[in-house]
Protein backbone atom coordinates (compact mmCIF):
# COMPACT_ATOMS: atom_id res chain seq x y z
CA MET A 1 0.00 0.00 0.00
CA ILE A 2 1.24 3.45 -0.85
CA ASP A 3 1.19 5.64 2.22
CA ALA A 4 3.11 8.70 3.41
CA ALA A 5 5.98 6.60 4.81
CA TYR A 6 6.43 4.80 1.48
CA VAL A 7 6.45 8.08 -0.46
CA GLN A 8 9.02 9.56 1.92
CA ARG A 9 11.20 6.44 1.68
CA MET A 10 11.09 6.59 -2.15
CA ALA A 11 11.90 10.31 -2.09
CA ARG A 12 14.98 9.61 0.06
CA TYR A 13 16.00 6.79 -2.28
CA ASN A 14 15.56 9.02 -5.36
CA ARG A 15 17.60 11.78 -3.73
CA TRP A 16 20.38 9.28 -2.96
CA GLN A 17 20.30 7.96 -6.54
CA ASN A 18 20.47 11.48 -8.00
CA GLU A 19 23.37 12.43 -5.75
CA SER A 20 25.21 9.26 -6.78
CA LEU A 21 24.57 9.90 -10.46
CA TYR A 22 25.60 13.54 -10.27
CA GLY A 23 28.71 12.55 -8.33
CA VAL A 24 29.78 10.22 -11.12
CA ALA A 25 28.85 12.74 -13.83
CA ASP A 26 31.01 15.36 -12.13
CA THR A 27 34.06 13.15 -12.74
CA LEU A 28 33.52 13.12 -16.53
CA SER A 29 35.34 15.52 -18.82
CA ASP A 30 33.35 17.70 -21.22
CA ALA A 31 34.36 15.38 -24.07
CA GLU A 32 33.09 12.34 -22.16
CA ARG A 33 29.80 14.10 -21.39
CA LYS A 34 29.34 15.03 -25.05
CA ARG A 35 30.18 11.47 -26.09
CA ALA A 36 27.60 10.15 -23.63
CA GLY A 37 25.06 12.58 -25.11
CA LEU A 38 25.75 11.28 -28.62
CA THR A 39 25.40 7.72 -27.39
CA ALA A 40 22.09 8.57 -25.72
CA GLN A 41 20.85 10.34 -28.86
CA PHE A 42 21.91 7.80 -31.49
CA GLY A 43 22.30 4.57 -29.52
CA ALA A 44 23.75 1.62 -31.43
CA ALA A 45 23.63 3.62 -34.69
CA LEU A 46 26.41 5.92 -33.43
CA SER A 47 29.17 3.61 -34.66
CA PHE A 48 27.71 3.80 -38.17
CA LEU A 49 27.08 7.56 -38.11
CA GLU A 50 30.27 8.69 -36.40
CA PRO A 51 32.53 8.40 -39.48
CA GLY A 52 30.49 11.17 -41.10
CA MET A 53 30.49 13.43 -38.04
CA LEU A 54 32.88 16.30 -37.43
CA ILE A 55 33.56 15.66 -33.75
CA GLY A 56 36.71 15.94 -31.70
CA THR A 57 39.19 18.62 -30.80
CA PRO A 58 39.48 21.62 -33.12
CA GLN A 59 42.72 20.17 -34.54
CA GLU A 60 41.07 16.78 -35.16
CA VAL A 61 38.23 18.49 -37.02
CA ILE A 62 40.72 20.61 -39.02
CA ASP A 63 42.58 17.43 -39.96
CA ARG A 64 39.33 15.69 -40.92
CA ILE A 65 38.17 18.57 -43.13
CA GLY A 66 41.72 18.83 -44.50
CA ALA A 67 41.45 15.22 -45.67
CA TYR A 68 38.29 16.11 -47.60
CA VAL A 69 40.02 19.17 -49.09
CA SER A 70 43.04 17.07 -50.07
CA ALA A 71 40.65 14.66 -51.80
CA GLY A 72 39.28 17.55 -53.87
CA ALA A 73 36.33 18.83 -51.84
CA GLU A 74 35.64 22.52 -52.37
CA TRP A 75 32.59 22.74 -50.09
CA ILE A 76 31.66 21.22 -46.76
CA ILE A 77 27.99 21.29 -45.83
CA LEU A 78 27.23 21.18 -42.11
CA ALA A 79 23.96 19.70 -40.93
CA LEU A 80 23.13 20.52 -37.33
CA ARG A 81 20.79 18.34 -35.35
CA ALA A 82 18.97 19.33 -32.18
CA PRO A 83 19.85 19.64 -29.42
CA PHE A 84 22.30 22.17 -30.78
CA ASP A 85 25.75 22.45 -29.21
CA MET A 86 26.08 26.22 -29.46
CA GLU A 87 29.40 26.19 -27.61
CA GLY A 88 30.76 23.60 -30.06
CA LEU A 89 29.49 25.63 -33.00
CA GLN A 90 31.26 28.73 -31.66
CA VAL A 91 34.51 26.74 -31.30
CA PHE A 92 34.07 25.63 -34.92
CA ILE A 93 33.61 29.24 -36.04
CA ASP A 94 36.51 30.59 -33.96
CA ASP A 95 39.07 27.77 -34.21
CA VAL A 96 38.29 25.59 -37.23
CA MET A 97 36.97 27.89 -39.94
CA PRO A 98 40.01 30.23 -39.93
CA ALA A 99 42.20 27.28 -40.98
CA PHE A 100 40.34 27.17 -44.31
CA ARG A 101 40.06 30.85 -45.25
């Protein structure tokens, strides 16, 4: 039977679970958090989609785009998918795009 004591016990348990989860999440780097977000968003399909994604450090993305340029690409079309990583987009604008001007 659900009574006040049960609800309070579950609330304490949920609080403990959240604190545990947040404690572990606090140990992750930004890159690990973003990777976890991609895994949550795409699931098992991530391993198939990742080769076409421009993800990584600015230098890794520069190198990746550079490989396309070396292969003859004159244009790169970016497709953004929600939820948008506005911070990542700004890093792309500030750190990656100047390498190709």
